[in-house]
Structures are given as structure tokens and as C-alpha cells.
């Protein structure tokens, strides 16, 4: 497993490196070429400006004027030098020596030898500060276009590659929905027939165990049905008499309670109302009660309480079972505190999502070997 993970990471890293090379190599050559073009263009402009300054010097040398206004520019700076390469006049600050032009960092320059003139100048130096602002703008534009094209290409590839998985997912989802729909009818028929047989063969332990096993299946089925339909099904909340609803759910689990010889003590305050979807409320009560029965030993008790205190409504279910090792993980999907007892580990995860959706507070207390207590706190209506 370690070698395989390392190989996968190496493969992904290689793909990233190749992609970066594909992007950076052309950009590297483009930047180098553009910089060379900019420098050549600057050289040409420097040569033209130098010739312009030289022409001004020649004109003054051949005229009878007494004052010479050395050409100035916001872009170009210039200086004239004698035969000894010392500066005669300079607009370059600080003044540089022709023997030390390496000090012109960040500047392009051009040297023009001068003809005879009144200043006895032999050389004209013209400099211009290098500027790659246009190149930077172009690079940013190219990168933005490249990233946009890559994003569209990757999005298109992912979309095309994900299409078969989406179709498969839709097929499986429809298959599960159809399969669960087909299961619902025979389960209902089985329960009705078992109810009929129980009325004829009273106190038959085999029938009782069969009925309790079937009701366990119904709880799991309803969890799976809610889990599958949750994304598309919108549960409509309405005002519910929690007192009556809790009594009905307690009756549903009567066969399980009798089969395991577990007694349930009910303390239910009458006419306590909350607002929630009946489907979601049944998932909360059924999952909590079925877990309490599943993890309780024969001869123990379960306490079921419903009461209102101030503006809050409390649903309280306490068992004397084996307890929970980690109360922080029991609401995680597919987590089972005891794998031996079976189950899919989705029931309490569904409960958690329902409580979060309806702003229901959950409190769980448990001690290993002494039982667990679940308290659900609703807003009163």
C-alpha cells in the first residue's frame, strides 16, 4: 500500500512538472525574444536621438550664434566627451566615464563618434532607462488567456469523463428507488399476515420472533428509504402531537420489547406539540428506540419521557444497555460502536442531519456497562 501511494504521488508530480514545462518553456523563449526586440528597438531610437543631438552641435558649430542650448528630453539623457574620454558636458546624473559603461545598470546606451565641432567633443553618449512594462502587461494577458483556456479544457475533459459516472449513478439511484418500492409491498403483506396469525396463535414465540425481526427490517428499510430519497424529497413540516406520536412508535416496537423481555416505562405529558415532518420525527424516535432495544439485555428497562419545560420540549430515551464507547463518533456515517450487532451505521447519521436541519439540540450521556441516555430538545409551538 505504501509503494502504491508513493507511485501515484510520483505520477501526479510528473504530470504537474510536464504541464509546467509546457507552459513555462514557450513563455521563457517568448520573454527572451521580446526583451531582445525591445533592446534592439531602444538601440535604434537611441541612434536616431544621438544623430539629432549631433546635428544640433554641427549646426551651432557652423553658425555665428553665441549660445548653445543642449537638446533635452524626458526619455533620453546625453553627454559629450573629449578625445581623452572625459566628460565635457553631461545631462547624465551621476556622470559616467566612457571607460566604465558597466555602471549603467538598467539603461541602454549608444555612443556616436563626432566630427569636428566647436566643443572639441569626440564622442556623444545617449542613454535610456530600460522599461519592460509593456512586456509585463503582455505576459499577464497571455497567462490569463492561457489559464482560461486550460481551465476550459480541463473542465471539458472532466465533464466528459464524469458523464459515464453520472449516468451510472443515476441508473443505480433509480434502481435502488425501484427496488425499495418493490420491497415495501411484500413487507407490508408479511406484517399483515403475521398480525393475522398472531391473533389465531396467541403467545406463539416463533411468530413473535418473526414479527420482531420483520419490524427490525422495516426500521432499516425506512432509514435506507429516507437516505436515498433525502436529496429529492422535501419533507413538509407540520404541527404534531409529540405525545400521541411517541405512544404510537412505542406500540410499533412492542413485539421487539416482548421478544427480548424488555420493559418500557413511559412518562408522557399529554398534548405536547412540536413542528416537524412526521417522516423525520419517526426516524429520530425509531432509530433511538431500536438502538436502545438492540443494545439492551433481557430483563432490563427503557425509559421514555416526553415533557414540556418553559419554551422547550424534551424527548428523553434512556436504556440500561451496554453503553457507548465513543459518543462523539456515533453520529458519523457508517460508524458502528459494536460491529457484532450488525446494521449499516447510517441511522444516527440520519438523525443528526434531521436535528441539524430542524435546529433540534441533541444531548448524549453514556457509561459503558450501565446504559445510555439520549435527549432531544425541540422548540415548543
Protein backbone atom coordinates (compact mmCIF):
# COMPACT_ATOMS: atom_id res chain seq x y z
CA UNK A 1 0.00 0.00 0.00
CA UNK A 2 2.85 2.42 0.76
CA UNK A 3 4.58 1.70 -2.54
CA UNK A 4 1.39 2.16 -4.47
CA UNK A 5 0.66 5.50 -2.81
CA UNK A 6 4.21 6.67 -3.50
CA UNK A 7 3.88 5.64 -7.15
CA UNK A 8 0.57 7.51 -7.50
CA UNK A 9 2.06 10.66 -5.98
CA UNK A 10 5.13 10.39 -8.24
CA UNK A 11 2.88 10.00 -11.28
CA UNK A 12 0.82 13.07 -10.35
CA UNK A 13 4.02 15.04 -9.66
CA UNK A 14 5.40 14.09 -13.08
CA UNK A 15 2.21 15.28 -14.76
CA UNK A 16 2.43 18.60 -12.92
CA UNK A 17 6.09 19.04 -13.94
CA UNK A 18 5.28 18.27 -17.60
CA UNK A 19 2.39 20.72 -17.54
CA UNK A 20 4.61 23.42 -16.04
CA UNK A 21 7.27 22.78 -18.67
CA UNK A 22 4.67 23.03 -21.43
CA UNK A 23 3.62 26.40 -20.02
CA UNK A 24 6.99 27.81 -18.95
CA UNK A 25 9.29 26.83 -21.82
CA UNK A 26 7.37 28.75 -24.52
CA UNK A 27 6.98 31.64 -22.08
CA UNK A 28 10.74 31.62 -21.40
CA UNK A 29 11.57 31.83 -25.11
CA UNK A 30 8.90 34.45 -25.67
CA UNK A 31 10.24 36.65 -22.84
CA UNK A 32 13.83 36.32 -24.10
CA UNK A 33 12.80 37.17 -27.66
CA UNK A 34 10.67 40.14 -26.61
CA UNK A 35 13.41 41.55 -24.39
CA UNK A 36 15.85 41.33 -27.28
CA UNK A 37 13.35 43.08 -29.57
CA UNK A 38 12.79 45.84 -27.00
CA UNK A 39 16.54 46.38 -26.60
CA UNK A 40 17.04 46.49 -30.39
CA UNK A 41 14.23 48.98 -30.72
CA UNK A 42 15.76 51.09 -27.94
CA UNK A 43 19.14 50.99 -29.71
CA UNK A 44 17.58 52.25 -32.91
CA UNK A 45 15.76 55.04 -31.08
CA UNK A 46 18.96 55.94 -29.22
CA UNK A 47 20.86 56.10 -32.52
CA UNK A 48 18.22 58.39 -34.02
CA UNK A 49 18.22 60.68 -30.98
CA UNK A 50 22.05 60.74 -30.91
CA UNK A 51 22.11 61.79 -34.55
CA UNK A 52 19.61 64.53 -33.76
CA UNK A 53 21.83 65.91 -30.95
CA UNK A 54 24.93 65.64 -33.17
CA UNK A 55 23.20 67.57 -35.93
CA UNK A 56 22.34 70.32 -33.43
CA UNK A 57 26.02 70.52 -32.39
CA UNK A 58 27.14 70.68 -36.04
CA UNK A 59 24.66 73.42 -36.84
CA UNK A 60 25.84 75.51 -33.87
CA UNK A 61 29.50 74.95 -34.84
CA UNK A 62 28.79 76.32 -38.32
CA UNK A 63 26.75 79.28 -37.09
CA UNK A 64 27.60 82.66 -35.61
CA UNK A 65 25.39 82.12 -32.53
CA UNK A 66 26.93 82.80 -29.15
CA UNK A 67 24.75 80.48 -27.02
CA UNK A 68 24.03 76.78 -27.45
CA UNK A 69 21.01 75.13 -25.86
CA UNK A 70 21.93 71.49 -25.43
CA UNK A 71 18.96 69.27 -26.54
CA UNK A 72 17.00 67.86 -23.59
CA UNK A 73 14.45 65.07 -23.33
CA UNK A 74 12.33 63.38 -20.65
CA UNK A 75 13.23 60.00 -22.13
CA UNK A 76 16.86 60.35 -23.20
CA UNK A 77 19.88 61.70 -21.30
CA UNK A 78 23.11 62.65 -23.15
CA UNK A 79 26.69 63.77 -22.62
CA UNK A 80 29.67 64.79 -24.80
CA UNK A 81 33.26 63.65 -24.21
CA UNK A 82 36.69 64.77 -25.42
CA UNK A 83 39.33 62.69 -27.13
CA UNK A 84 40.56 61.65 -23.67
CA UNK A 85 37.05 60.27 -22.94
CA UNK A 86 36.47 62.79 -20.16
CA UNK A 87 33.09 64.47 -19.94
CA UNK A 88 32.88 67.98 -21.37
CA UNK A 89 29.17 68.40 -20.65
CA UNK A 90 26.71 65.87 -19.21
CA UNK A 91 22.99 65.62 -18.53
CA UNK A 92 23.54 62.09 -17.16
CA UNK A 93 23.49 62.11 -13.36
CA UNK A 94 25.76 60.93 -11.98
CA UNK A 95 28.24 61.46 -14.76
CA UNK A 96 29.71 58.24 -16.11
CA UNK A 97 33.05 57.56 -17.75
CA UNK A 98 33.24 56.06 -21.20
CA UNK A 99 35.70 53.57 -19.75
CA UNK A 100 33.16 52.40 -17.16
CA UNK A 101 29.88 51.98 -19.00
CA UNK A 102 29.14 48.85 -16.97
CA UNK A 103 27.91 51.21 -14.26
CA UNK A 104 24.86 51.99 -16.45
CA UNK A 105 22.79 49.23 -14.88
CA UNK A 106 19.20 49.32 -16.03
CA UNK A 107 19.99 51.57 -19.02
CA UNK A 108 20.51 51.05 -22.74
CA UNK A 109 23.10 53.33 -24.34
CA UNK A 110 24.54 54.37 -27.67
CA UNK A 111 27.93 56.03 -28.44
CA UNK A 112 28.24 58.18 -31.55
CA UNK A 113 31.69 59.41 -32.69
CA UNK A 114 31.51 63.14 -33.50
CA UNK A 115 33.03 65.12 -36.36
CA UNK A 116 34.96 68.33 -35.74
CA UNK A 117 32.91 70.79 -33.70
CA UNK A 118 33.26 73.95 -31.67
CA UNK A 119 33.29 71.99 -28.35
CA UNK A 120 36.20 69.75 -29.36
CA UNK A 121 33.93 66.81 -28.48
CA UNK A 122 34.88 63.45 -29.92
CA UNK A 123 32.05 61.27 -28.54
CA UNK A 124 28.35 61.62 -27.81
CA UNK A 125 26.77 59.24 -25.26
CA UNK A 126 22.97 58.86 -25.15
CA UNK A 127 21.22 56.67 -22.54
CA UNK A 128 17.64 55.50 -21.98
CA UNK A 129 16.25 53.66 -18.97
CA UNK A 130 15.13 50.12 -19.78
CA UNK A 131 11.39 49.57 -19.45
CA UNK A 132 9.63 46.22 -19.76
CA UNK A 133 6.20 47.44 -18.64
CA UNK A 134 4.57 46.58 -21.99
CA UNK A 135 6.20 43.15 -21.89
CA UNK A 136 4.85 42.56 -18.37
CA UNK A 137 1.34 43.58 -19.50
CA UNK A 138 1.61 41.19 -22.44
CA UNK A 139 2.85 38.34 -20.22
CA UNK A 140 -0.02 38.87 -17.76
CA UNK A 141 -2.53 38.92 -20.63
CA UNK A 142 -1.04 35.75 -22.14
CA UNK A 143 -1.06 33.99 -18.77
CA UNK A 144 -4.68 34.95 -18.15
CA UNK A 145 -5.73 33.71 -21.58
CA UNK A 146 -3.67 30.52 -21.13
CA UNK A 147 -5.15 29.82 -17.69
CA UNK A 148 -8.66 30.47 -19.02
CA UNK A 149 -8.10 28.10 -21.96
CA UNK A 150 -6.58 25.46 -19.68
CA UNK A 151 -9.50 25.78 -17.28
CA UNK A 152 -11.99 25.36 -20.11
CA UNK A 153 -10.03 22.40 -21.50
CA UNK A 154 -9.77 20.70 -18.09
CA UNK A 155 -13.44 21.44 -17.34
CA UNK A 156 -14.44 19.94 -20.68
CA UNK A 157 -12.28 16.84 -20.10
CA UNK A 158 -13.60 16.33 -16.56
CA UNK A 159 -17.16 16.85 -17.71
CA UNK A 160 -16.80 14.32 -20.49
CA UNK A 161 -15.03 11.80 -18.26
CA UNK A 162 -17.60 12.26 -15.47
CA UNK A 163 -20.56 11.76 -17.79
CA UNK A 164 -20.47 7.91 -17.68
CA UNK A 165 -20.22 8.01 -13.86
CA UNK A 166 -23.18 10.39 -13.63
CA UNK A 167 -25.21 8.10 -15.86
CA UNK A 168 -24.20 5.09 -13.78
CA UNK A 169 -25.01 6.94 -10.55
CA UNK A 170 -28.43 7.92 -11.92
CA UNK A 171 -29.05 4.35 -13.03
CA UNK A 172 -28.10 2.96 -9.59
CA UNK A 173 -30.19 5.60 -7.82
CA UNK A 174 -33.26 4.77 -9.92
CA UNK A 175 -32.60 1.06 -9.46
CA UNK A 176 -32.43 1.43 -5.66
CA UNK A 177 -35.60 3.54 -5.62
CA UNK A 178 -37.45 0.97 -7.74
CA UNK A 179 -36.10 -1.93 -5.68
CA UNK A 180 -37.15 -0.29 -2.41
CA UNK A 181 -40.57 0.44 -3.85
CA UNK A 182 -40.92 -3.22 -4.78
CA UNK A 183 -39.81 -4.31 -1.29
CA UNK A 184 -42.32 -2.13 0.51
CA UNK A 185 -45.40 -4.04 -0.66
CA UNK A 186 -44.25 -7.57 0.31
CA UNK A 187 -43.01 -6.32 3.68
CA UNK A 188 -46.43 -4.80 4.35
CA UNK A 189 -48.16 -8.03 3.32
CA UNK A 190 -45.85 -10.08 5.55
CA UNK A 191 -46.61 -7.85 8.53
CA UNK A 192 -50.37 -8.06 7.95
CA UNK A 193 -50.23 -11.86 7.65
CA UNK A 194 -48.13 -12.15 10.79
CA UNK A 195 -50.63 -9.95 12.63
CA UNK A 196 -53.41 -12.28 11.45
CA UNK A 197 -51.53 -15.39 12.51
CA UNK A 198 -50.70 -13.85 15.90
CA UNK A 199 -54.40 -13.30 16.59
CA UNK A 200 -55.02 -17.01 15.92
CA UNK A 201 -51.90 -18.47 17.52
CA UNK A 202 -51.52 -16.26 20.54
CA UNK A 203 -48.32 -16.33 22.59
CA UNK A 204 -46.50 -18.18 19.81
CA UNK A 205 -42.83 -17.41 20.35
CA UNK A 206 -41.83 -18.25 16.78
CA UNK A 207 -44.36 -15.77 15.40
CA UNK A 208 -43.26 -13.18 17.94
CA UNK A 209 -39.61 -13.51 16.94
CA UNK A 210 -40.57 -13.35 13.26
CA UNK A 211 -42.65 -10.21 13.82
CA UNK A 212 -39.87 -8.53 15.80
CA UNK A 213 -37.29 -9.44 13.12
CA UNK A 214 -39.59 -8.04 10.42
CA UNK A 215 -40.02 -4.79 12.34
CA UNK A 216 -36.27 -4.50 12.66
CA UNK A 217 -36.12 -4.87 8.88
CA UNK A 218 -38.77 -2.18 8.48
CA UNK A 219 -36.73 0.28 10.59
CA UNK A 220 -33.64 -0.38 8.46
CA UNK A 221 -35.72 -0.17 5.28
CA UNK A 222 -37.20 3.19 6.29
CA UNK A 223 -33.70 4.52 7.10
CA UNK A 224 -32.47 3.45 3.68
CA UNK A 225 -35.55 4.91 2.01
CA UNK A 226 -35.05 8.23 3.75
CA UNK A 227 -31.33 8.13 2.95
CA UNK A 228 -31.97 7.51 -0.78
CA UNK A 229 -34.86 9.94 -1.20
CA UNK A 230 -33.49 12.68 1.05
CA UNK A 231 -31.87 14.67 -1.81
CA UNK A 232 -35.03 14.89 -3.92
CA UNK A 233 -37.74 14.59 -1.28
CA UNK A 234 -38.77 17.69 0.62
CA UNK A 235 -40.33 16.87 3.96
CA UNK A 236 -43.10 19.30 4.85
CA UNK A 237 -43.02 20.28 8.50
CA UNK A 238 -46.32 20.49 10.34
CA UNK A 239 -47.56 20.73 13.91
CA UNK A 240 -47.51 17.27 15.52
CA UNK A 241 -48.77 15.99 18.85
CA UNK A 242 -45.49 14.52 20.07
CA UNK A 243 -47.24 12.83 23.00
CA UNK A 244 -49.50 10.76 20.74
CA UNK A 245 -46.76 10.18 18.16
CA UNK A 246 -44.37 8.79 20.80
CA UNK A 247 -47.07 6.39 22.07
CA UNK A 248 -47.67 5.10 18.54
CA UNK A 249 -43.97 4.49 17.93
CA UNK A 250 -43.73 2.72 21.27
CA UNK A 251 -46.55 0.39 20.20
CA UNK A 252 -44.73 -0.34 16.92
CA UNK A 253 -41.78 -1.72 18.90
CA UNK A 254 -43.91 -3.78 21.30
CA UNK A 255 -43.02 -7.10 19.63
CA UNK A 256 -39.31 -6.34 19.89
CA UNK A 257 -39.72 -5.43 23.55
CA UNK A 258 -41.64 -8.63 24.33
CA UNK A 259 -39.22 -10.82 22.31
CA UNK A 260 -36.23 -9.51 24.31
CA UNK A 261 -38.14 -9.36 27.62
CA UNK A 262 -37.51 -5.64 27.96
CA UNK A 263 -39.96 -3.37 29.72
CA UNK A 264 -40.51 0.24 28.74
CA UNK A 265 -41.57 2.82 31.29
CA UNK A 266 -43.45 5.72 29.70
CA UNK A 267 -43.87 9.12 31.30
CA UNK A 268 -45.53 11.16 28.59
CA UNK A 269 -47.06 14.56 29.26
CA UNK A 270 -50.27 14.96 27.28
CA UNK A 271 -50.75 17.38 24.37
CA UNK A 272 -47.15 18.41 23.80
CA UNK A 273 -46.80 19.88 20.32
CA UNK A 274 -43.81 20.47 18.05
CA UNK A 275 -43.39 21.42 14.38
CA UNK A 276 -41.55 18.89 12.22
CA UNK A 277 -42.08 16.46 9.36
CA UNK A 278 -43.72 13.21 10.59
CA UNK A 279 -41.22 11.24 8.47
CA UNK A 280 -38.26 12.96 10.12
CA UNK A 281 -39.72 12.61 13.62
CA UNK A 282 -40.27 8.87 13.07
CA UNK A 283 -36.60 8.50 12.05
CA UNK A 284 -35.48 10.19 15.29
CA UNK A 285 -37.66 8.10 17.59
CA UNK A 286 -37.38 4.78 15.69
CA UNK A 287 -33.59 4.86 15.44
CA UNK A 288 -33.13 5.81 19.08
CA UNK A 289 -35.65 3.25 20.38
CA UNK A 290 -34.45 0.42 18.12
CA UNK A 291 -30.84 1.02 19.23
CA UNK A 292 -31.93 1.07 22.88
CA UNK A 293 -33.67 -2.30 22.40
CA UNK A 294 -30.84 -3.78 20.30
CA UNK A 295 -28.12 -2.98 22.83
CA UNK A 296 -30.11 -3.81 25.98
CA UNK A 297 -30.03 -7.14 27.78
CA UNK A 298 -33.07 -9.23 28.61
CA UNK A 299 -34.84 -8.17 31.78
CA UNK A 300 -33.73 -4.51 31.63
CA UNK A 301 -35.82 -1.35 31.35
CA UNK A 302 -36.07 1.53 28.90
CA UNK A 303 -37.46 4.89 29.98
CA UNK A 304 -39.39 7.03 27.50
CA UNK A 305 -40.31 10.55 28.58
CA UNK A 306 -41.96 13.45 26.80
CA UNK A 307 -42.47 16.75 28.58
CA UNK A 308 -42.53 20.48 28.09
CA UNK A 309 -40.49 22.90 30.17
CA UNK A 310 -40.90 26.62 29.53
CA UNK A 311 -40.43 27.10 25.76
CA UNK A 312 -38.69 23.78 25.15
CA UNK A 313 -39.97 20.25 24.53
CA UNK A 314 -37.89 17.26 25.67
CA UNK A 315 -37.86 13.74 24.24
CA UNK A 316 -35.94 11.51 26.65
CA UNK A 317 -34.96 7.87 25.93
CA UNK A 318 -32.78 6.03 28.46
CA UNK A 319 -31.72 2.38 28.41
CA UNK A 320 -29.78 0.05 30.72
CA UNK A 321 -27.73 -1.46 27.91
CA UNK A 322 -24.03 -1.95 27.26
CA UNK A 323 -23.32 1.75 26.82
CA UNK A 324 -21.40 3.64 24.14
CA UNK A 325 -17.61 3.75 23.96
CA UNK A 326 -17.33 6.97 21.97
CA UNK A 327 -20.35 9.29 21.98
CA UNK A 328 -18.56 11.69 19.60
CA UNK A 329 -18.46 9.18 16.72
CA UNK A 330 -21.87 7.51 16.89
CA UNK A 331 -23.42 10.12 14.59
CA UNK A 332 -20.77 9.60 11.88
CA UNK A 333 -21.96 7.82 8.77
CA UNK A 334 -21.22 4.05 8.71
CA UNK A 335 -19.80 4.13 12.25
CA UNK A 336 -20.93 1.25 14.45
CA UNK A 337 -19.99 1.16 18.11
CA UNK A 338 -20.43 -2.62 18.11
CA UNK A 339 -19.90 -4.28 14.70
CA UNK A 340 -21.06 -7.65 16.03
CA UNK A 341 -24.63 -6.36 16.38
CA UNK A 342 -24.80 -5.57 12.67
CA UNK A 343 -26.50 -2.60 10.99
CA UNK A 344 -25.30 -0.14 8.39
CA UNK A 345 -24.30 2.69 10.70
CA UNK A 346 -26.49 5.25 8.92
CA UNK A 347 -29.41 5.54 11.35
CA UNK A 348 -27.91 8.01 13.81
CA UNK A 349 -26.23 9.88 10.99
CA UNK A 350 -29.70 10.47 9.54
CA UNK A 351 -30.88 11.55 13.00
CA UNK A 352 -28.04 14.06 13.27
CA UNK A 353 -28.84 15.58 9.86
CA UNK A 354 -32.55 15.85 10.72
CA UNK A 355 -31.73 17.54 14.03
CA UNK A 356 -29.35 19.97 12.36
CA UNK A 357 -31.95 20.80 9.71
CA UNK A 358 -34.67 21.46 12.31
CA UNK A 359 -32.45 23.13 14.96
CA UNK A 360 -33.01 20.27 17.41
CA UNK A 361 -30.45 20.02 20.20
CA UNK A 362 -29.05 16.56 21.00
CA UNK A 363 -27.55 15.50 24.31
CA UNK A 364 -26.00 12.06 24.75
CA UNK A 365 -24.77 10.62 28.05
CA UNK A 366 -23.42 7.09 28.32
CA UNK A 367 -21.37 4.84 30.55
CA UNK A 368 -20.03 1.52 29.32
CA UNK A 369 -21.90 -1.32 31.00
CA UNK A 370 -24.52 0.99 32.54
CA UNK A 371 -26.54 2.29 29.60
CA UNK A 372 -27.12 5.40 27.50
CA UNK A 373 -29.40 8.42 27.57
CA UNK A 374 -30.50 10.40 24.52
CA UNK A 375 -32.26 13.74 24.97
CA UNK A 376 -33.73 15.66 22.04
CA UNK A 377 -34.72 19.26 22.73
CA UNK A 378 -37.30 20.83 20.39
CA UNK A 379 -38.82 24.27 20.20
CA UNK A 380 -42.36 24.35 21.50
CA UNK A 381 -45.26 25.63 19.35
